[in-house]
N, C-alpha and C. Protein backbone atom coordinates (compact mmCIF):
# COMPACT_ATOMS: atom_id res chain seq x y z
N MET A 1 0.82 -1.19 0.00
CA MET A 1 0.00 0.00 0.00
C MET A 1 0.87 1.26 0.00
N LYS A 2 1.96 1.19 0.74
CA LYS A 2 2.85 2.34 0.84
C LYS A 2 3.36 2.75 -0.54
N GLU A 3 3.74 1.78 -1.35
CA GLU A 3 4.26 2.06 -2.68
C GLU A 3 3.18 2.66 -3.57
N LEU A 4 1.96 2.20 -3.42
CA LEU A 4 0.84 2.72 -4.22
C LEU A 4 0.62 4.20 -3.94
N VAL A 5 0.62 4.58 -2.67
CA VAL A 5 0.43 5.99 -2.31
C VAL A 5 1.59 6.83 -2.83
N GLU A 6 2.82 6.30 -2.74
CA GLU A 6 3.98 7.03 -3.24
C GLU A 6 3.89 7.30 -4.73
N VAL A 7 3.53 6.28 -5.49
CA VAL A 7 3.44 6.43 -6.95
C VAL A 7 2.38 7.45 -7.32
N ILE A 8 1.23 7.38 -6.68
CA ILE A 8 0.15 8.33 -6.99
C ILE A 8 0.58 9.75 -6.65
N ALA A 9 1.15 9.94 -5.46
CA ALA A 9 1.54 11.28 -5.02
C ALA A 9 2.65 11.86 -5.89
N LYS A 10 3.63 11.04 -6.24
CA LYS A 10 4.74 11.55 -7.06
C LYS A 10 4.28 11.97 -8.45
N SER A 11 3.23 11.35 -8.95
CA SER A 11 2.72 11.73 -10.27
C SER A 11 1.92 13.03 -10.22
N LEU A 12 1.50 13.44 -9.04
CA LEU A 12 0.69 14.65 -8.90
C LEU A 12 1.50 15.92 -8.63
N VAL A 13 2.64 15.80 -7.96
CA VAL A 13 3.35 16.97 -7.44
C VAL A 13 4.46 17.45 -8.37
N ASP A 14 4.94 18.68 -8.11
CA ASP A 14 6.05 19.26 -8.86
C ASP A 14 7.40 18.81 -8.31
N ASN A 15 7.44 18.47 -7.02
CA ASN A 15 8.68 18.05 -6.36
C ASN A 15 8.56 16.61 -5.89
N PRO A 16 8.66 15.64 -6.80
CA PRO A 16 8.47 14.24 -6.40
C PRO A 16 9.54 13.72 -5.45
N GLU A 17 10.71 14.34 -5.42
CA GLU A 17 11.77 13.88 -4.53
C GLU A 17 11.46 14.19 -3.06
N GLU A 18 10.49 15.06 -2.80
CA GLU A 18 10.12 15.42 -1.43
C GLU A 18 8.93 14.62 -0.90
N VAL A 19 8.45 13.68 -1.68
CA VAL A 19 7.32 12.84 -1.27
C VAL A 19 7.84 11.68 -0.42
N THR A 20 7.30 11.55 0.78
CA THR A 20 7.63 10.42 1.64
C THR A 20 6.34 9.86 2.24
N VAL A 21 6.34 8.56 2.44
CA VAL A 21 5.20 7.89 3.06
C VAL A 21 5.72 7.05 4.21
N THR A 22 5.15 7.28 5.39
CA THR A 22 5.53 6.48 6.56
C THR A 22 4.36 5.58 6.93
N GLU A 23 4.69 4.37 7.34
CA GLU A 23 3.68 3.36 7.64
C GLU A 23 3.77 2.95 9.10
N THR A 24 2.64 3.02 9.81
CA THR A 24 2.59 2.61 11.20
C THR A 24 1.34 1.76 11.43
N GLU A 25 1.40 0.94 12.46
CA GLU A 25 0.24 0.12 12.83
C GLU A 25 -0.45 0.78 14.02
N LYS A 26 -1.80 0.84 13.94
CA LYS A 26 -2.55 1.50 15.00
C LYS A 26 -3.94 0.87 15.07
N ASP A 27 -4.25 0.25 16.19
CA ASP A 27 -5.58 -0.34 16.41
C ASP A 27 -6.04 -1.23 15.26
N ARG A 28 -5.26 -2.24 14.93
CA ARG A 28 -5.58 -3.20 13.87
C ARG A 28 -5.77 -2.56 12.50
N ALA A 29 -5.18 -1.40 12.29
CA ALA A 29 -5.24 -0.74 10.99
C ALA A 29 -3.85 -0.21 10.66
N THR A 30 -3.56 -0.11 9.39
CA THR A 30 -2.30 0.46 8.93
C THR A 30 -2.54 1.92 8.62
N VAL A 31 -1.73 2.80 9.19
CA VAL A 31 -1.85 4.23 8.94
C VAL A 31 -0.70 4.65 8.03
N LEU A 32 -1.03 5.24 6.89
CA LEU A 32 -0.03 5.75 5.95
C LEU A 32 -0.06 7.27 6.01
N GLU A 33 1.07 7.86 6.41
CA GLU A 33 1.18 9.32 6.46
C GLU A 33 1.92 9.80 5.23
N LEU A 34 1.26 10.61 4.45
CA LEU A 34 1.83 11.15 3.21
C LEU A 34 2.38 12.53 3.49
N HIS A 35 3.69 12.71 3.26
CA HIS A 35 4.35 14.00 3.45
C HIS A 35 4.76 14.53 2.08
N VAL A 36 4.36 15.78 1.78
CA VAL A 36 4.74 16.42 0.52
C VAL A 36 5.26 17.82 0.84
N ALA A 37 5.88 18.46 -0.16
CA ALA A 37 6.36 19.82 0.02
C ALA A 37 5.17 20.75 0.24
N GLN A 38 5.40 21.82 0.98
CA GLN A 38 4.34 22.77 1.28
C GLN A 38 3.68 23.30 0.01
N ALA A 39 4.48 23.56 -1.02
CA ALA A 39 3.94 24.11 -2.27
C ALA A 39 3.06 23.10 -3.00
N ASP A 40 3.25 21.82 -2.75
CA ASP A 40 2.48 20.77 -3.44
C ASP A 40 1.26 20.31 -2.65
N MET A 41 1.05 20.85 -1.48
CA MET A 41 -0.05 20.40 -0.64
C MET A 41 -1.41 20.54 -1.34
N GLY A 42 -1.62 21.63 -2.02
CA GLY A 42 -2.88 21.86 -2.71
C GLY A 42 -3.12 20.89 -3.85
N LYS A 43 -2.06 20.46 -4.49
CA LYS A 43 -2.19 19.52 -5.61
C LYS A 43 -2.59 18.13 -5.11
N VAL A 44 -2.14 17.77 -3.93
CA VAL A 44 -2.47 16.46 -3.38
C VAL A 44 -3.87 16.45 -2.78
N ILE A 45 -4.28 17.58 -2.22
CA ILE A 45 -5.61 17.66 -1.61
C ILE A 45 -6.68 17.92 -2.68
N GLY A 46 -6.43 18.84 -3.58
CA GLY A 46 -7.38 19.14 -4.64
C GLY A 46 -8.52 20.04 -4.18
N LYS A 47 -9.31 20.46 -5.13
CA LYS A 47 -10.45 21.32 -4.81
C LYS A 47 -11.46 20.54 -3.98
N GLN A 48 -11.80 21.12 -2.84
CA GLN A 48 -12.75 20.52 -1.89
C GLN A 48 -12.34 19.11 -1.48
N GLY A 49 -11.04 18.80 -1.55
CA GLY A 49 -10.54 17.52 -1.10
C GLY A 49 -10.82 16.35 -2.03
N ARG A 50 -11.15 16.63 -3.27
CA ARG A 50 -11.53 15.57 -4.20
C ARG A 50 -10.38 14.62 -4.52
N ILE A 51 -9.18 15.15 -4.71
CA ILE A 51 -8.04 14.28 -5.04
C ILE A 51 -7.67 13.43 -3.84
N ALA A 52 -7.66 14.04 -2.65
CA ALA A 52 -7.36 13.28 -1.43
C ALA A 52 -8.38 12.16 -1.24
N LYS A 53 -9.63 12.46 -1.50
CA LYS A 53 -10.68 11.46 -1.37
C LYS A 53 -10.49 10.32 -2.39
N ALA A 54 -10.07 10.68 -3.59
CA ALA A 54 -9.83 9.67 -4.63
C ALA A 54 -8.65 8.77 -4.25
N ILE A 55 -7.59 9.37 -3.70
CA ILE A 55 -6.43 8.58 -3.26
C ILE A 55 -6.86 7.59 -2.18
N ARG A 56 -7.65 8.08 -1.23
CA ARG A 56 -8.12 7.20 -0.15
C ARG A 56 -9.01 6.08 -0.69
N SER A 57 -9.83 6.38 -1.68
CA SER A 57 -10.71 5.36 -2.26
C SER A 57 -9.91 4.27 -2.96
N VAL A 58 -8.89 4.66 -3.72
CA VAL A 58 -8.06 3.68 -4.42
C VAL A 58 -7.32 2.79 -3.43
N VAL A 59 -6.77 3.39 -2.39
CA VAL A 59 -6.03 2.62 -1.38
C VAL A 59 -6.98 1.70 -0.62
N LYS A 60 -8.17 2.19 -0.32
CA LYS A 60 -9.15 1.36 0.39
C LYS A 60 -9.55 0.15 -0.46
N ALA A 61 -9.73 0.37 -1.76
CA ALA A 61 -10.08 -0.74 -2.65
C ALA A 61 -8.95 -1.76 -2.73
N ALA A 62 -7.72 -1.29 -2.82
CA ALA A 62 -6.58 -2.21 -2.87
C ALA A 62 -6.42 -2.95 -1.55
N ALA A 63 -6.68 -2.28 -0.44
CA ALA A 63 -6.55 -2.92 0.87
C ALA A 63 -7.64 -3.95 1.09
N SER A 64 -8.80 -3.72 0.56
CA SER A 64 -9.90 -4.67 0.76
C SER A 64 -9.62 -6.00 0.05
N ARG A 65 -8.84 -5.95 -1.02
CA ARG A 65 -8.47 -7.18 -1.71
C ARG A 65 -7.58 -8.04 -0.83
N GLU A 66 -6.83 -7.42 0.07
CA GLU A 66 -5.95 -8.13 0.98
C GLU A 66 -6.58 -8.27 2.37
N ASP A 67 -7.84 -7.87 2.50
CA ASP A 67 -8.59 -7.95 3.76
C ASP A 67 -7.88 -7.18 4.88
N LYS A 68 -7.46 -5.96 4.58
CA LYS A 68 -6.80 -5.10 5.55
C LYS A 68 -7.53 -3.77 5.64
N LYS A 69 -7.27 -3.02 6.70
CA LYS A 69 -7.80 -1.68 6.85
C LYS A 69 -6.64 -0.71 6.78
N VAL A 70 -6.73 0.23 5.87
CA VAL A 70 -5.65 1.20 5.66
C VAL A 70 -6.24 2.61 5.75
N ILE A 71 -5.57 3.48 6.50
CA ILE A 71 -5.98 4.87 6.63
C ILE A 71 -4.88 5.74 6.03
N VAL A 72 -5.25 6.67 5.15
CA VAL A 72 -4.28 7.58 4.54
C VAL A 72 -4.46 8.96 5.16
N GLU A 73 -3.39 9.50 5.72
CA GLU A 73 -3.38 10.84 6.29
C GLU A 73 -2.38 11.69 5.52
N ILE A 74 -2.80 12.90 5.17
CA ILE A 74 -1.92 13.83 4.48
C ILE A 74 -1.45 14.86 5.50
N VAL A 75 -0.14 14.89 5.74
CA VAL A 75 0.42 15.78 6.76
C VAL A 75 1.51 16.64 6.15
N GLN A 76 1.83 17.73 6.85
CA GLN A 76 2.88 18.63 6.37
C GLN A 76 4.23 18.14 6.80
């Protein structure tokens, strides 16, 4: 899942070298924290959060195939 979020985020931003994803376990769920450059934050979130919602939907669909729960958080 971590690689999936990285690939999606790097294709959206102007500074792909600053994209990092950290993975932690929390309450029987995997939490993926997506870190991008401050200037690219708007590109990852999108208007009214549509792109962020789409990223979460894709990851949720991929996680359901493996019977896992994955939460994607976008942080600075």
